[in-house]
């Protein structure tokens, strides 16, 4: 290969002011985290989770046990911060982890960031989204085409940091020489379809740094509505590079792509019992209630801001009337 056998990259996108994604490239460990929460809480959540992977003591554990242990520690740290810091209350993050051990790649997963495998010219999604629209699709209430444009497609059913314990999907893949694994936040998959992702990975499979940059560019060309993060690595005979790299997280000064950022839908978490209600009947009052309840705090903030704006306008009109 002309480039490294692994690469990672992140971009704020064209619509967001800050980057709430973080990633880890520390062979044999790789991960992507997509934070959520008000103000800068999403940023804090993803950074805490990413840092936990590198400095947690998981010696003696391998494979599935190690991945679950690492994600569990990340969950503990985010939840502890959320519970003790009022400014971070309610924050959380997705996390998708890959651990390479010999010919086995173990995947750990919480949320809607994804892991893909590219093998023999085909791409397979390895993880299952923990999201409301995925539950609706599995129940037959929603088609794949409808899911792609559903207004609640960013509502997730599982995340790190929202509860003391988290249920982790973890499994191992028998890797083959030439396999390419891709971890990514939904800022990529909502902007670029699978066929185009595969085409770019195939085109630049000899240089994963270039592949990663190309995927970020494609997401921004597609609209760049969210932060986008990708981590890629390949399995090749003779690759022995195990040099550890630091966690890469958003910088303090974010670059804004585009003149006026448009409002973006924040990721929210719907508890499992509310998902069941949403599955009762698509478009029913129960479904609407299940979807809307998690948005109540944000809705109250928007209402408060609107009231402040209206009061400001009223004050200006009053002063103008007095001056006349």
Protein backbone atom coordinates (compact mmCIF):
# COMPACT_ATOMS: atom_id res chain seq x y z
CA UNK A 1 0.00 0.00 0.00
CA UNK A 2 1.22 3.51 -0.78
CA UNK A 3 -0.53 4.98 2.30
CA UNK A 4 -1.10 3.83 5.88
CA UNK A 5 -3.27 0.78 6.58
CA UNK A 6 -5.49 2.97 8.74
CA UNK A 7 -6.84 6.53 8.64
CA UNK A 8 -9.27 8.82 10.44
CA UNK A 9 -10.76 12.20 9.62
CA UNK A 10 -13.54 14.48 10.85
CA UNK A 11 -15.21 17.65 9.59
CA UNK A 12 -17.73 20.06 11.08
CA UNK A 13 -19.84 20.01 7.92
CA UNK A 14 -21.58 22.88 6.19
CA UNK A 15 -24.46 23.53 8.60
CA UNK A 16 -23.12 23.03 12.14
CA UNK A 17 -21.16 25.55 14.17
CA UNK A 18 -19.31 22.98 16.28
CA UNK A 19 -18.02 19.47 15.81
CA UNK A 20 -19.51 17.05 18.33
CA UNK A 21 -17.82 13.99 16.78
CA UNK A 22 -14.61 12.42 18.03
CA UNK A 23 -12.61 9.42 16.89
CA UNK A 24 -9.87 7.10 18.06
CA UNK A 25 -7.11 5.72 15.85
CA UNK A 26 -4.87 3.75 18.22
CA UNK A 27 -4.11 0.40 16.55
CA UNK A 28 -5.32 -2.19 17.25
CA UNK A 29 -8.23 -0.08 18.56
CA UNK A 30 -10.43 2.18 16.42
CA UNK A 31 -13.62 4.06 17.27
CA UNK A 32 -16.10 6.76 16.29
CA UNK A 33 -18.31 8.74 18.71
CA UNK A 34 -21.10 11.17 17.79
CA UNK A 35 -22.08 13.36 20.75
CA UNK A 36 -25.43 14.94 21.53
CA UNK A 37 -26.66 17.51 24.03
CA UNK A 38 -27.26 21.20 24.44
CA UNK A 39 -24.57 23.88 24.26
CA UNK A 40 -21.22 22.08 24.12
CA UNK A 41 -22.37 18.96 26.02
CA UNK A 42 -22.28 16.75 22.92
CA UNK A 43 -18.66 17.69 22.41
CA UNK A 44 -17.88 16.84 26.02
CA UNK A 45 -19.65 13.47 25.79
CA UNK A 46 -17.84 12.29 22.67
CA UNK A 47 -14.45 13.43 23.99
CA UNK A 48 -14.96 11.69 27.33
CA UNK A 49 -16.00 8.48 25.63
CA UNK A 50 -13.08 8.55 23.21
CA UNK A 51 -10.55 9.27 25.95
CA UNK A 52 -11.94 6.41 28.06
CA UNK A 53 -11.00 3.91 25.36
CA UNK A 54 -7.34 4.81 25.47
CA UNK A 55 -6.67 5.12 29.17
CA UNK A 56 -8.96 2.39 30.54
CA UNK A 57 -7.27 -0.67 32.02
CA UNK A 58 -8.63 -3.69 30.14
CA UNK A 59 -5.57 -5.88 30.49
CA UNK A 60 -6.35 -9.57 30.60
CA UNK A 61 -9.47 -9.12 28.48
CA UNK A 62 -9.72 -9.89 24.80
CA UNK A 63 -12.27 -9.77 22.04
CA UNK A 64 -15.90 -9.23 22.99
CA UNK A 65 -15.19 -8.94 26.73
CA UNK A 66 -12.61 -6.22 26.18
CA UNK A 67 -14.79 -4.20 23.84
CA UNK A 68 -17.80 -4.38 26.19
CA UNK A 69 -15.57 -3.40 29.13
CA UNK A 70 -14.16 -0.39 27.27
CA UNK A 71 -17.56 0.88 26.15
CA UNK A 72 -18.95 0.29 29.63
CA UNK A 73 -16.22 2.47 31.12
CA UNK A 74 -16.91 5.15 28.51
CA UNK A 75 -20.59 5.04 29.46
CA UNK A 76 -19.74 5.34 33.16
CA UNK A 77 -17.62 8.46 32.63
CA UNK A 78 -20.17 10.23 30.44
CA UNK A 79 -23.03 9.36 32.80
CA UNK A 80 -21.04 10.51 35.86
CA UNK A 81 -20.25 13.86 34.23
CA UNK A 82 -23.83 14.29 33.06
CA UNK A 83 -25.12 13.56 36.56
CA UNK A 84 -22.78 15.94 38.39
CA UNK A 85 -22.39 18.85 35.94
CA UNK A 86 -25.60 20.85 35.34
CA UNK A 87 -24.22 22.24 32.08
CA UNK A 88 -23.80 18.68 30.76
CA UNK A 89 -27.10 17.27 32.01
CA UNK A 90 -28.75 14.94 29.51
CA UNK A 91 -25.73 14.62 27.25
CA UNK A 92 -24.82 11.37 25.53
CA UNK A 93 -22.95 9.91 22.61
CA UNK A 94 -23.02 7.07 20.16
CA UNK A 95 -19.99 4.81 19.98
CA UNK A 96 -18.82 2.23 17.48
CA UNK A 97 -15.57 0.43 18.27
CA UNK A 98 -13.39 -2.02 16.33
CA UNK A 99 -10.63 -4.10 17.95
CA UNK A 100 -8.20 -5.97 15.69
CA UNK A 101 -6.67 -9.13 17.16
CA UNK A 102 -4.95 -11.37 14.64
CA UNK A 103 -7.49 -12.41 12.03
CA UNK A 104 -10.45 -11.38 14.20
CA UNK A 105 -12.08 -7.95 14.29
CA UNK A 106 -14.44 -7.40 17.21
CA UNK A 107 -17.10 -4.72 16.83
CA UNK A 108 -18.84 -2.99 19.74
CA UNK A 109 -21.77 -0.72 19.02
CA UNK A 110 -24.23 1.67 20.70
CA UNK A 111 -26.33 4.20 18.74
CA UNK A 112 -26.51 4.93 15.04
CA UNK A 113 -22.88 5.38 14.05
CA UNK A 114 -22.02 2.43 11.81
CA UNK A 115 -19.43 -0.18 10.95
CA UNK A 116 -19.09 -1.52 7.39
CA UNK A 117 -17.03 -4.26 5.80
CA UNK A 118 -15.81 -4.01 2.21
CA UNK A 119 -14.83 -7.38 0.76
CA UNK A 120 -14.52 -8.57 -2.84
CA UNK A 121 -16.09 -5.41 -4.25
CA UNK A 122 -19.13 -5.51 -1.98
CA UNK A 123 -19.98 -3.49 1.12
CA UNK A 124 -21.92 -4.89 4.08
CA UNK A 125 -23.32 -2.94 7.01
CA UNK A 126 -22.18 -4.83 10.11
CA UNK A 127 -24.03 -2.85 12.79
CA UNK A 128 -27.73 -2.30 13.28
CA UNK A 129 -28.85 1.25 14.01
CA UNK A 130 -30.34 1.77 17.45
CA UNK A 131 -32.84 4.25 16.08
CA UNK A 132 -36.56 4.89 15.98
CA UNK A 133 -36.77 4.62 12.19
CA UNK A 134 -34.93 1.29 12.23
CA UNK A 135 -37.45 -0.07 14.75
CA UNK A 136 -40.26 1.20 12.52
CA UNK A 137 -38.68 -0.49 9.50
CA UNK A 138 -38.23 -3.80 11.33
CA UNK A 139 -41.90 -3.72 12.36
CA UNK A 140 -42.98 -3.03 8.77
CA UNK A 141 -44.30 0.44 9.57
CA UNK A 142 -41.72 2.22 7.43
CA UNK A 143 -39.95 1.49 4.15
CA UNK A 144 -36.24 2.06 3.50
CA UNK A 145 -37.10 4.97 1.21
CA UNK A 146 -39.38 6.56 3.82
CA UNK A 147 -36.75 6.10 6.52
CA UNK A 148 -34.20 8.11 4.53
CA UNK A 149 -36.35 11.25 4.72
CA UNK A 150 -38.24 10.63 7.97
CA UNK A 151 -38.32 13.77 10.18
CA UNK A 152 -37.30 11.71 13.24
CA UNK A 153 -34.45 9.83 11.57
CA UNK A 154 -32.01 11.29 14.12
CA UNK A 155 -33.94 9.91 17.09
CA UNK A 156 -31.91 7.08 18.62
CA UNK A 157 -33.04 4.45 21.11
CA UNK A 158 -29.71 3.77 22.80
CA UNK A 159 -26.69 5.94 23.69
CA UNK A 160 -23.77 6.16 26.09
CA UNK A 161 -24.21 8.34 29.16
CA UNK A 162 -27.99 8.44 29.47
CA UNK A 163 -28.20 5.60 32.02
CA UNK A 164 -25.80 4.05 34.57
CA UNK A 165 -25.52 0.92 32.42
CA UNK A 166 -25.68 0.45 28.67
CA UNK A 167 -26.53 -2.54 26.50
CA UNK A 168 -23.69 -3.06 24.00
CA UNK A 169 -24.00 -4.98 20.75
CA UNK A 170 -20.69 -6.87 20.37
CA UNK A 171 -19.60 -9.52 17.88
CA UNK A 172 -16.51 -10.72 16.03
CA UNK A 173 -15.77 -11.00 12.31
CA UNK A 174 -13.24 -13.40 10.78
CA UNK A 175 -11.20 -10.99 8.68
CA UNK A 176 -9.48 -11.76 5.39
CA UNK A 177 -6.50 -10.13 3.70
CA UNK A 178 -7.77 -7.18 1.68
CA UNK A 179 -10.79 -6.47 3.88
CA UNK A 180 -11.49 -2.80 4.53
CA UNK A 181 -13.43 -1.81 7.64
CA UNK A 182 -15.16 1.57 7.86
CA UNK A 183 -16.51 3.22 11.01
CA UNK A 184 -18.50 6.41 10.52
CA UNK A 185 -20.96 8.82 12.09
CA UNK A 186 -24.37 9.35 10.52
CA UNK A 187 -23.11 12.60 9.02
CA UNK A 188 -21.67 10.40 6.26
CA UNK A 189 -24.47 7.89 5.75
CA UNK A 190 -27.24 10.49 5.63
CA UNK A 191 -25.41 12.47 2.94
CA UNK A 192 -23.76 9.74 0.83
CA UNK A 193 -25.43 6.52 -0.28
CA UNK A 194 -23.80 3.13 0.15
CA UNK A 195 -22.93 2.76 -3.54
CA UNK A 196 -20.94 6.00 -3.55
CA UNK A 197 -19.21 5.14 -0.27
CA UNK A 198 -18.14 1.81 -1.72
CA UNK A 199 -16.95 3.43 -4.95
CA UNK A 200 -14.70 5.86 -3.07
CA UNK A 201 -13.27 3.18 -0.80
CA UNK A 202 -12.55 0.95 -3.78
CA UNK A 203 -11.00 3.79 -5.77
CA UNK A 204 -8.65 4.80 -2.95
CA UNK A 205 -8.12 1.45 -1.22
CA UNK A 206 -4.35 1.85 -1.63
CA UNK A 207 -4.37 5.14 0.31
CA UNK A 208 -6.87 5.24 3.16
CA UNK A 209 -5.94 8.81 4.11
CA UNK A 210 -7.14 9.91 0.69
CA UNK A 211 -10.20 7.67 0.97
CA UNK A 212 -11.15 9.30 4.27
CA UNK A 213 -10.75 12.81 2.89
CA UNK A 214 -12.78 11.88 -0.19
CA UNK A 215 -15.64 10.61 1.97
CA UNK A 216 -15.70 13.87 3.95
CA UNK A 217 -15.77 15.86 0.72
CA UNK A 218 -18.62 13.74 -0.62
CA UNK A 219 -20.66 14.32 2.55
CA UNK A 220 -20.18 18.08 2.26
CA UNK A 221 -21.06 18.05 -1.43
CA UNK A 222 -24.22 16.16 -0.51
CA UNK A 223 -25.29 18.96 1.84
CA UNK A 224 -23.00 18.64 4.87
CA UNK A 225 -25.97 18.87 7.23
CA UNK A 226 -24.13 17.27 10.14
CA UNK A 227 -20.64 16.68 11.49
CA UNK A 228 -19.04 13.82 9.61
CA UNK A 229 -16.37 11.42 10.85
CA UNK A 230 -14.79 8.37 9.25
CA UNK A 231 -12.22 5.83 10.40
CA UNK A 232 -10.97 3.17 8.00
CA UNK A 233 -8.47 0.34 8.25
CA UNK A 234 -7.53 -2.61 6.09
CA UNK A 235 -6.39 -6.13 6.85
CA UNK A 236 -3.25 -6.96 4.91
CA UNK A 237 -0.59 -9.62 5.33
CA UNK A 238 2.56 -8.20 6.89
CA UNK A 239 0.97 -5.09 8.40
CA UNK A 240 2.64 -4.78 11.76
CA UNK A 241 2.28 -1.08 12.50
CA UNK A 242 0.99 -0.85 16.07
CA UNK A 243 2.16 2.67 16.90
CA UNK A 244 -0.46 4.28 19.11
CA UNK A 245 -1.94 7.59 18.04
CA UNK A 246 -3.74 10.07 20.30
CA UNK A 247 -7.46 10.62 20.43
CA UNK A 248 -8.45 13.10 17.75
CA UNK A 249 -11.25 15.37 18.93
CA UNK A 250 -12.65 18.69 17.69
CA UNK A 251 -10.37 21.68 18.15
CA UNK A 252 -11.36 24.70 20.21
CA UNK A 253 -11.83 26.86 17.10
CA UNK A 254 -14.22 25.30 14.62
CA UNK A 255 -14.33 26.29 10.96
CA UNK A 256 -17.79 27.17 9.69
CA UNK A 257 -18.43 25.96 6.14
CA UNK A 258 -21.07 28.16 4.56
CA UNK A 259 -22.33 31.66 5.24
CA UNK A 260 -25.44 31.14 7.37
CA UNK A 261 -25.78 27.78 9.16
CA UNK A 262 -29.28 26.40 8.82
CA UNK A 263 -31.09 24.88 11.82
CA UNK A 264 -30.21 21.22 12.21
CA UNK A 265 -32.07 18.41 13.95
CA UNK A 266 -30.27 17.37 17.13
CA UNK A 267 -29.93 13.70 17.94
CA UNK A 268 -32.22 12.65 20.76
CA UNK A 269 -32.65 9.39 22.71
CA UNK A 270 -36.02 7.68 23.06
CA UNK A 271 -36.24 5.10 25.88
CA UNK A 272 -37.29 1.59 24.91
CA UNK A 273 -40.75 1.84 26.47
CA UNK A 274 -41.48 4.90 24.34
CA UNK A 275 -40.33 3.09 21.22
CA UNK A 276 -42.95 0.43 21.89
CA UNK A 277 -45.60 3.12 21.96
CA UNK A 278 -44.32 4.57 18.71
CA UNK A 279 -44.61 1.17 17.06
CA UNK A 280 -48.31 0.89 17.84
CA UNK A 281 -49.39 2.84 14.82
CA UNK A 282 -47.38 5.07 12.54
CA UNK A 283 -48.87 8.56 12.66
CA UNK A 284 -51.08 7.72 15.64
CA UNK A 285 -51.35 9.94 18.74
CA UNK A 286 -49.31 7.35 20.65
CA UNK A 287 -46.53 7.47 18.10
CA UNK A 288 -46.52 11.25 18.04
CA UNK A 289 -46.35 11.38 21.84
CA UNK A 290 -43.48 8.91 21.95
CA UNK A 291 -41.49 10.93 19.46
CA UNK A 292 -42.26 14.33 20.92
CA UNK A 293 -41.63 13.66 24.62
CA UNK A 294 -37.81 13.55 24.32
CA UNK A 295 -37.89 16.93 22.57
CA UNK A 296 -39.69 18.67 25.46
CA UNK A 297 -36.59 20.31 27.03
CA UNK A 298 -35.41 21.66 23.67
CA UNK A 299 -38.93 22.83 22.87
CA UNK A 300 -39.07 24.75 26.13
CA UNK A 301 -35.80 26.46 25.28
CA UNK A 302 -37.10 27.47 21.86
CA UNK A 303 -40.32 28.78 23.42
CA UNK A 304 -38.36 30.81 25.96
CA UNK A 305 -36.20 32.35 23.25
CA UNK A 306 -39.28 33.20 21.19
CA UNK A 307 -40.89 34.91 24.19
CA UNK A 308 -37.73 36.93 24.83
CA UNK A 309 -37.69 38.02 21.18
CA UNK A 310 -41.36 39.04 21.30
CA UNK A 311 -40.83 40.99 24.51
CA UNK A 312 -37.91 42.78 22.88
CA UNK A 313 -40.04 43.76 19.90
CA UNK A 314 -42.82 44.95 22.22
CA UNK A 315 -40.35 47.09 24.19
CA UNK A 316 -39.05 48.72 21.01
CA UNK A 317 -42.58 49.52 19.84
CA UNK A 318 -43.46 50.96 23.25
CA UNK A 319 -40.42 53.23 23.28
CA UNK A 320 -41.13 54.32 19.72
CA UNK A 321 -44.71 55.17 20.70
CA UNK A 322 -43.57 57.23 23.69
CA UNK A 323 -41.04 59.13 21.59
CA UNK A 324 -43.75 60.05 19.10
